Amino acid sequence: MIHRAIVDLPLHGGKCPRWLFEKMVRLGRAILLIIYEEFGSKEVVKRLSDPYWFQAFGCLLGFDWHSSGLTTTVGAAVKEALRPYFKEIGIYICGGKGKTALKTPQEINFWGEKHGLPQETTKFITLSRLTARIDNNAIQDGFQLYFHLFIFTKNGYWGVIQQGMEEKTAYARRYHWYSEKALNLCEEPHIGIISSIKKSEVLNLVAKKSQPVQKCLINLIKENFSKILNEMTKTYLFFKRDHSLTPIDISSKNLRKIWEATYRNPPKNFEEFLLTPGLGAKSLRALTLTAELIYDVKASREDPVHYAYAHGGKDGHPYKINKKLYENTIIELEEILRKIKASEDEKLNLFRRLPYIFKI
């Protein structure tokens, strides 16, 4: 079973040295190909989607435990490592950091068309966009996505690793998805969300508690536009004192675009609604508050991260950790290291590093 966790992820400046990145690519390839040979493509996606395993994997490849750079650099290294083997092993990795993340749909389409997966391609592009919309808009925790990695297999399994930044605290939050966990993309879909902060209030529209609100939002958007605007104006006046809404949030111009888009193509469910062109976090929040007032429902305000603090890390930073799961991960990585093709000196160095990855 894969569990949720919280780990410190402060944003660190600078780039990974080229020599280290090349080493990470080589070692990462060796480890992942062994997992593929032993267990198949599904297991590779499952492990990378596991927040515990991904963190351990990154540290073994040479990154500091709590650095936010682990996510982006390990993601890039894994993509580079498996690219020559995409067709052979049937695992494809798309996306990355910044502008590369925006190219994810094109990359999915490229590999899907090249290797004869046209039907799966359309589904995966939608999943890529929807998971990003959910973590950026449906979960309003203050972290803006800047990294998006989409992994899929020719057999239909998929995983997503995303990372967002909170500018005012200079911390990052990582979101993990795995296809066999995310059977309902709009109800508790994550395999794990990793962050240094558990906030007192986060609007979470994909929580189980928020399911009635999802239905009410679909009903609200079907109303006459002037009625929606009128109700949102009332909502703005109601929430004006605590600054929950601003005039920008209920911009009639933007709301009309959203309404027109849904009028032309009415959403059948909350997934389709989230993909509405122009529907951003602020508009979604304004509509949610309006729906709560009109229909007397309440969305979840609980931050979807948990676990108590333990202490560790070579620099004394606290992190939240499940000791037993990490001990099992160490044992698993030890077995893999025994099988990789590397010099005895290199293997010895890797084995020596393992106990320090999780110094609890």
Protein backbone atom coordinates (compact mmCIF):
# COMPACT_ATOMS: atom_id res chain seq x y z
CA MET A 1 0.00 0.00 0.00
CA ILE A 2 1.22 3.50 -0.84
CA HIS A 3 0.64 6.15 1.81
CA ARG A 4 0.57 9.93 1.91
CA ALA A 5 3.37 11.98 3.42
CA ILE A 6 4.70 15.45 4.07
CA VAL A 7 8.37 16.33 3.64
CA ASP A 8 10.26 19.62 3.78
CA LEU A 9 10.86 20.95 0.25
CA PRO A 10 12.53 24.38 0.40
CA LEU A 11 13.31 25.97 -2.95
CA HIS A 12 17.01 25.96 -3.71
CA GLY A 13 18.70 28.07 -6.37
CA GLY A 14 21.33 26.95 -8.84
CA LYS A 15 21.53 24.12 -11.34
CA CYS A 16 22.56 20.52 -10.98
CA PRO A 17 26.19 20.11 -12.20
CA ARG A 18 26.38 18.40 -15.59
CA TRP A 19 28.60 15.60 -14.29
CA LEU A 20 26.10 14.81 -11.52
CA PHE A 21 23.14 14.89 -13.90
CA GLU A 22 24.88 12.47 -16.29
CA LYS A 23 25.62 10.16 -13.38
CA MET A 24 21.98 10.35 -12.26
CA VAL A 25 20.82 9.45 -15.77
CA ARG A 26 23.13 6.42 -15.94
CA LEU A 27 22.32 5.12 -12.47
CA GLY A 28 18.61 5.91 -12.80
CA ARG A 29 18.46 3.99 -16.07
CA ALA A 30 20.13 0.95 -14.50
CA ILE A 31 17.72 0.88 -11.55
CA LEU A 32 14.54 1.45 -13.57
CA LEU A 33 15.43 -1.12 -16.23
CA ILE A 34 15.97 -3.74 -13.54
CA ILE A 35 12.54 -2.95 -12.10
CA TYR A 36 11.10 -3.26 -15.61
CA GLU A 37 12.84 -6.60 -16.24
CA GLU A 38 11.76 -7.99 -12.86
CA PHE A 39 8.22 -6.61 -12.57
CA GLY A 40 7.17 -4.95 -15.85
CA SER A 41 6.24 -1.45 -16.99
CA LYS A 42 3.31 -1.07 -14.58
CA GLU A 43 5.62 -1.37 -11.59
CA VAL A 44 7.99 1.30 -12.92
CA VAL A 45 5.10 3.78 -13.12
CA LYS A 46 3.81 2.72 -9.70
CA ARG A 47 7.19 3.25 -8.01
CA LEU A 48 7.83 6.64 -9.57
CA SER A 49 4.30 7.66 -8.53
CA ASP A 50 4.97 6.66 -4.92
CA PRO A 51 6.10 9.78 -2.99
CA TYR A 52 8.23 7.74 -0.57
CA TRP A 53 9.95 5.73 -3.28
CA PHE A 54 10.49 8.76 -5.51
CA GLN A 55 12.11 10.69 -2.65
CA ALA A 56 14.37 7.76 -1.77
CA PHE A 57 15.27 7.23 -5.42
CA GLY A 58 16.25 10.88 -5.80
CA CYS A 59 18.44 10.81 -2.71
CA LEU A 60 20.17 7.65 -3.90
CA LEU A 61 20.91 9.35 -7.21
CA GLY A 62 22.72 12.08 -5.29
CA PHE A 63 20.28 14.78 -4.18
CA ASP A 64 19.81 16.35 -0.73
CA TRP A 65 16.81 14.92 1.10
CA HIS A 66 14.70 18.02 1.42
CA SER A 67 15.64 20.02 -1.68
CA SER A 68 12.82 20.98 -4.05
CA GLY A 69 15.37 20.55 -6.84
CA LEU A 70 15.16 16.81 -6.30
CA THR A 71 11.78 16.72 -8.05
CA THR A 72 12.74 18.64 -11.16
CA THR A 73 16.22 17.17 -11.61
CA VAL A 74 15.22 13.56 -10.95
CA GLY A 75 12.24 14.01 -13.27
CA ALA A 76 14.53 15.27 -16.04
CA ALA A 77 17.07 12.49 -15.38
CA VAL A 78 14.42 9.76 -15.53
CA LYS A 79 13.04 11.14 -18.78
CA GLU A 80 16.52 11.27 -20.32
CA ALA A 81 17.40 7.82 -18.96
CA LEU A 82 14.44 5.98 -20.48
CA ARG A 83 14.00 7.97 -23.70
CA PRO A 84 16.12 5.53 -25.81
CA TYR A 85 14.01 2.65 -24.47
CA PHE A 86 10.51 4.12 -24.81
CA LYS A 87 9.41 1.82 -27.63
CA GLU A 88 11.20 -1.25 -26.30
CA ILE A 89 9.74 -1.16 -22.78
CA GLY A 90 6.49 0.65 -23.57
CA ILE A 91 6.98 3.41 -20.99
CA TYR A 92 6.79 7.07 -22.03
CA ILE A 93 7.72 10.14 -19.99
CA CYS A 94 6.55 13.60 -21.07
CA GLY A 95 6.73 17.13 -19.71
CA GLY A 96 9.11 18.71 -17.22
CA LYS A 97 9.79 22.14 -15.77
CA GLY A 98 8.47 25.53 -16.92
CA LYS A 99 7.97 25.79 -20.68
CA THR A 100 8.67 22.08 -21.09
CA ALA A 101 5.66 21.32 -18.88
CA LEU A 102 3.44 23.25 -21.32
CA LYS A 103 4.62 20.97 -24.14
CA THR A 104 3.34 17.83 -22.40
CA PRO A 105 0.26 17.38 -24.67
CA GLN A 106 2.43 17.69 -27.80
CA GLU A 107 4.92 15.17 -26.43
CA ILE A 108 2.17 12.70 -25.51
CA ASN A 109 0.72 13.06 -29.00
CA PHE A 110 4.16 12.62 -30.62
CA TRP A 111 5.00 9.37 -28.85
CA GLY A 112 1.46 8.05 -29.13
CA GLU A 113 1.33 8.61 -32.88
CA LYS A 114 4.88 7.37 -33.42
CA HIS A 115 4.32 4.09 -31.60
CA GLY A 116 0.73 3.40 -32.63
CA LEU A 117 -1.26 4.45 -29.57
CA PRO A 118 -3.79 6.92 -31.06
CA GLN A 119 -6.74 5.98 -28.84
CA GLU A 120 -4.70 6.16 -25.65
CA THR A 121 -3.12 9.45 -26.73
CA THR A 122 -6.36 11.44 -26.54
CA LYS A 123 -7.14 10.03 -23.09
CA PHE A 124 -3.67 10.78 -21.75
CA ILE A 125 -3.69 14.37 -23.03
CA THR A 126 -6.98 14.95 -21.22
CA LEU A 127 -5.59 13.37 -18.05
CA SER A 128 -2.50 15.56 -18.23
CA ARG A 129 -4.58 18.73 -18.49
CA LEU A 130 -7.10 17.66 -15.88
CA THR A 131 -4.55 16.70 -13.21
CA ALA A 132 -2.89 20.09 -13.69
CA ARG A 133 -6.24 21.90 -13.40
CA ILE A 134 -7.07 20.01 -10.22
CA ASP A 135 -3.77 20.71 -8.46
CA ASN A 136 -3.69 24.34 -9.59
CA ASN A 137 -7.37 25.28 -9.32
CA ALA A 138 -9.51 22.70 -7.51
CA ILE A 139 -7.05 22.52 -4.62
CA GLN A 140 -6.36 26.13 -3.63
CA ASP A 141 -3.39 25.82 -1.30
CA GLY A 142 -1.34 28.79 -2.55
CA PHE A 143 1.14 26.72 -4.59
CA GLN A 144 1.40 27.45 -8.33
CA LEU A 145 2.50 24.57 -10.55
CA TYR A 146 5.78 24.95 -12.42
CA PHE A 147 6.64 21.27 -12.95
CA HIS A 148 4.47 18.59 -14.60
CA LEU A 149 5.67 15.09 -15.49
CA PHE A 150 3.28 12.65 -17.15
CA ILE A 151 4.27 8.97 -17.33
CA PHE A 152 2.26 6.37 -19.24
CA THR A 153 2.55 2.85 -20.61
CA LYS A 154 1.25 1.24 -23.77
CA ASN A 155 -0.96 -0.89 -21.49
CA GLY A 156 -2.83 2.16 -20.21
CA TYR A 157 -1.23 2.74 -16.80
CA TRP A 158 -0.24 6.30 -15.98
CA GLY A 159 1.22 8.48 -13.26
CA VAL A 160 1.71 12.20 -12.68
CA ILE A 161 4.30 14.06 -10.63
CA GLN A 162 3.69 17.79 -10.25
CA GLN A 163 5.32 20.47 -8.15
CA GLY A 164 4.07 23.91 -7.18
CA MET A 165 5.78 26.91 -5.58
CA GLU A 166 4.50 29.25 -2.89
CA GLU A 167 6.32 32.50 -3.58
CA LYS A 168 5.90 34.14 -0.17
CA THR A 169 7.39 31.19 1.78
CA ALA A 170 9.85 29.95 -0.88
CA TYR A 171 8.65 26.38 -0.36
CA ALA A 172 7.41 23.76 -2.78
CA ARG A 173 4.62 21.20 -2.70
CA ARG A 174 4.65 17.99 -4.72
CA TYR A 175 1.57 16.13 -5.97
CA HIS A 176 1.61 12.42 -6.89
CA TRP A 177 -0.99 10.58 -8.98
CA TYR A 178 -1.25 6.91 -9.99
CA SER A 179 -3.90 5.46 -12.28
CA GLU A 180 -4.97 2.61 -10.00
CA LYS A 181 -5.54 5.05 -7.12
CA ALA A 182 -7.20 7.80 -9.15
CA LEU A 183 -10.26 5.80 -10.21
CA ASN A 184 -12.37 8.90 -9.55
CA LEU A 185 -10.30 11.90 -10.58
CA CYS A 186 -12.51 14.31 -8.64
CA GLU A 187 -12.73 12.48 -5.30
CA GLU A 188 -9.58 11.98 -3.20
CA PRO A 189 -7.51 11.15 -6.31
CA HIS A 190 -3.93 11.60 -5.07
CA ILE A 191 -1.53 8.87 -4.04
CA GLY A 192 0.26 11.53 -1.99
CA ILE A 193 0.81 15.27 -1.56
CA ILE A 194 4.18 16.27 -0.12
CA SER A 195 4.68 19.63 1.57
CA SER A 196 6.39 21.32 4.49
CA ILE A 197 3.23 23.10 5.55
CA LYS A 198 -0.16 21.83 6.65
CA LYS A 199 -2.33 24.90 6.32
CA SER A 200 -5.28 25.74 8.53
CA GLU A 201 -7.55 26.38 5.53
CA VAL A 202 -7.35 25.11 1.96
CA LEU A 203 -10.30 25.04 -0.44
CA ASN A 204 -10.29 21.44 -1.62
CA LEU A 205 -12.96 20.76 -4.23
CA VAL A 206 -11.83 17.17 -4.82
CA ALA A 207 -12.30 16.12 -1.20
CA LYS A 208 -15.07 13.62 -0.47
CA LYS A 209 -16.81 16.30 1.58
CA SER A 210 -16.92 18.58 -1.49
CA GLN A 211 -18.87 16.19 -3.75
CA PRO A 212 -22.24 17.98 -3.20
CA VAL A 213 -20.57 21.30 -4.10
CA GLN A 214 -19.33 19.83 -7.38
CA LYS A 215 -22.92 18.99 -8.39
CA CYS A 216 -24.15 22.43 -7.33
CA LEU A 217 -21.46 24.13 -9.44
CA ILE A 218 -22.70 22.24 -12.51
CA ASN A 219 -26.25 23.40 -11.75
CA LEU A 220 -25.16 26.98 -11.12
CA ILE A 221 -23.32 27.37 -14.42
CA LYS A 222 -26.48 26.27 -16.29
CA GLU A 223 -28.42 29.27 -14.96
CA ASN A 224 -29.08 32.46 -16.92
CA PHE A 225 -25.92 34.59 -17.05
CA SER A 226 -27.52 37.70 -15.55
CA LYS A 227 -28.77 35.61 -12.62
CA ILE A 228 -25.28 34.17 -12.05
CA LEU A 229 -23.73 37.64 -12.13
CA ASN A 230 -26.39 38.99 -9.77
CA GLU A 231 -25.84 36.15 -7.29
CA MET A 232 -22.07 36.56 -7.46
CA THR A 233 -22.40 40.27 -6.73
CA LYS A 234 -24.37 39.37 -3.60
CA THR A 235 -21.68 36.86 -2.70
CA TYR A 236 -18.97 39.50 -3.15
CA LEU A 237 -20.79 41.90 -0.81
CA PHE A 238 -21.22 39.08 1.73
CA PHE A 239 -17.51 38.18 1.72
CA LYS A 240 -16.13 41.68 1.16
CA ARG A 241 -15.08 42.23 4.77
CA ASP A 242 -12.85 39.17 5.08
CA HIS A 243 -11.31 39.70 1.60
CA SER A 244 -12.37 36.23 0.40
CA LEU A 245 -13.38 37.84 -2.88
CA THR A 246 -12.28 40.89 -4.83
CA PRO A 247 -13.94 42.70 -7.76
CA ILE A 248 -11.43 41.00 -10.07
CA ASP A 249 -12.66 37.58 -8.93
CA ILE A 250 -16.17 38.32 -10.19
CA SER A 251 -15.15 40.06 -13.40
CA SER A 252 -18.25 40.00 -15.62
CA LYS A 253 -16.09 39.81 -18.75
CA ASN A 254 -14.28 36.67 -17.64
CA LEU A 255 -17.41 35.09 -16.21
CA ARG A 256 -19.26 35.64 -19.47
CA LYS A 257 -16.51 33.79 -21.34
CA ILE A 258 -16.83 30.87 -18.94
CA TRP A 259 -20.62 30.90 -19.16
CA GLU A 260 -20.58 31.06 -22.97
CA ALA A 261 -18.13 28.15 -23.12
CA THR A 262 -20.33 25.99 -20.89
CA TYR A 263 -23.49 27.11 -22.73
CA ARG A 264 -22.06 25.92 -26.05
CA ASN A 265 -20.74 22.70 -24.55
CA PRO A 266 -22.52 21.94 -21.23
CA PRO A 267 -20.27 19.94 -18.87
CA LYS A 268 -21.64 16.50 -18.03
CA ASN A 269 -19.60 16.29 -14.84
CA PHE A 270 -17.09 18.14 -12.68
CA GLU A 271 -14.14 16.87 -14.72
CA GLU A 272 -15.49 18.51 -17.86
CA PHE A 273 -16.34 21.66 -15.91
CA LEU A 274 -12.74 22.03 -14.68
CA LEU A 275 -11.52 21.90 -18.28
CA THR A 276 -13.72 24.88 -19.27
CA PRO A 277 -11.60 27.48 -21.14
CA GLY A 278 -10.94 30.53 -18.97
CA LEU A 279 -11.89 28.86 -15.68
CA GLY A 280 -9.03 29.68 -13.33
CA ALA A 281 -8.57 29.45 -9.58
CA LYS A 282 -10.12 32.85 -8.79
CA SER A 283 -13.21 32.32 -10.93
CA LEU A 284 -13.67 28.82 -9.52
CA ARG A 285 -13.40 30.14 -5.96
CA ALA A 286 -15.96 32.87 -6.67
CA LEU A 287 -18.39 30.37 -8.20
CA THR A 288 -17.84 27.98 -5.28
CA LEU A 289 -18.63 30.63 -2.66
CA THR A 290 -21.73 31.59 -4.63
CA ALA A 291 -22.89 27.96 -4.88
CA GLU A 292 -22.35 27.52 -1.14
CA LEU A 293 -24.61 30.49 -0.38
CA ILE A 294 -27.34 29.61 -2.88
CA TYR A 295 -27.56 25.86 -2.29
CA ASP A 296 -26.54 25.78 1.39
CA VAL A 297 -23.64 23.37 0.85
CA LYS A 298 -20.07 23.53 2.10
CA ALA A 299 -16.82 22.56 0.39
CA SER A 300 -13.91 21.11 2.34
CA ARG A 301 -11.41 23.57 3.79
CA GLU A 302 -9.05 20.89 5.09
CA ASP A 303 -5.53 20.73 3.68
CA PRO A 304 -5.15 17.28 2.03
CA VAL A 305 -1.77 16.53 3.66
CA HIS A 306 -1.08 14.86 6.98
CA TYR A 307 1.29 12.80 9.25
CA ALA A 308 3.15 13.95 12.35
CA TYR A 309 6.71 15.26 12.47
CA ALA A 310 9.77 13.13 13.01
CA HIS A 311 13.29 14.54 12.90
CA GLY A 312 16.08 13.80 10.49
CA GLY A 313 18.05 15.11 7.57
CA LYS A 314 21.75 15.78 7.60
CA ASP A 315 21.24 19.50 8.21
CA GLY A 316 18.73 19.06 11.03
CA HIS A 317 15.63 20.00 9.03
CA PRO A 318 12.49 18.29 10.36
CA TYR A 319 10.49 16.14 8.01
CA LYS A 320 7.39 14.01 8.27
CA ILE A 321 8.10 10.40 7.66
CA ASN A 322 6.82 6.85 8.06
CA LYS A 323 9.89 5.00 9.31
CA LYS A 324 8.71 1.48 8.45
CA LEU A 325 7.91 2.37 4.84
CA TYR A 326 11.31 3.94 4.35
CA GLU A 327 13.11 0.97 5.90
CA ASN A 328 11.30 -1.27 3.42
CA THR A 329 12.36 1.08 0.61
CA ILE A 330 16.01 0.79 1.69
CA ILE A 331 15.82 -3.01 1.62
CA GLU A 332 14.24 -2.88 -1.83
CA LEU A 333 16.91 -0.51 -3.18
CA GLU A 334 19.65 -2.72 -1.71
CA GLU A 335 18.32 -5.66 -3.71
CA ILE A 336 18.22 -3.59 -6.89
CA LEU A 337 21.76 -2.27 -6.36
CA ARG A 338 23.09 -5.82 -6.14
CA LYS A 339 21.79 -6.43 -9.65
CA ILE A 340 22.87 -3.29 -11.49
CA LYS A 341 25.82 -3.31 -13.84
CA ALA A 342 28.37 -1.06 -12.18
CA SER A 343 31.91 -1.26 -10.87
CA GLU A 344 32.42 -2.69 -7.40
CA ASP A 345 33.67 0.69 -6.13
CA GLU A 346 30.58 2.45 -7.45
CA LYS A 347 28.28 -0.15 -5.91
CA LEU A 348 30.10 0.16 -2.58
CA ASN A 349 29.63 3.93 -2.59
CA LEU A 350 25.92 3.53 -3.28
CA PHE A 351 25.48 0.99 -0.48
CA ARG A 352 27.29 3.32 1.91
CA ARG A 353 24.92 6.13 0.96
CA LEU A 354 21.73 4.19 1.73
CA PRO A 355 21.79 4.44 5.56
CA TYR A 356 22.22 8.22 5.35
CA ILE A 357 19.24 8.75 3.06
CA PHE A 358 16.84 8.15 5.94
CA LYS A 359 18.83 9.04 9.03
CA ILE A 360 15.94 9.00 11.50
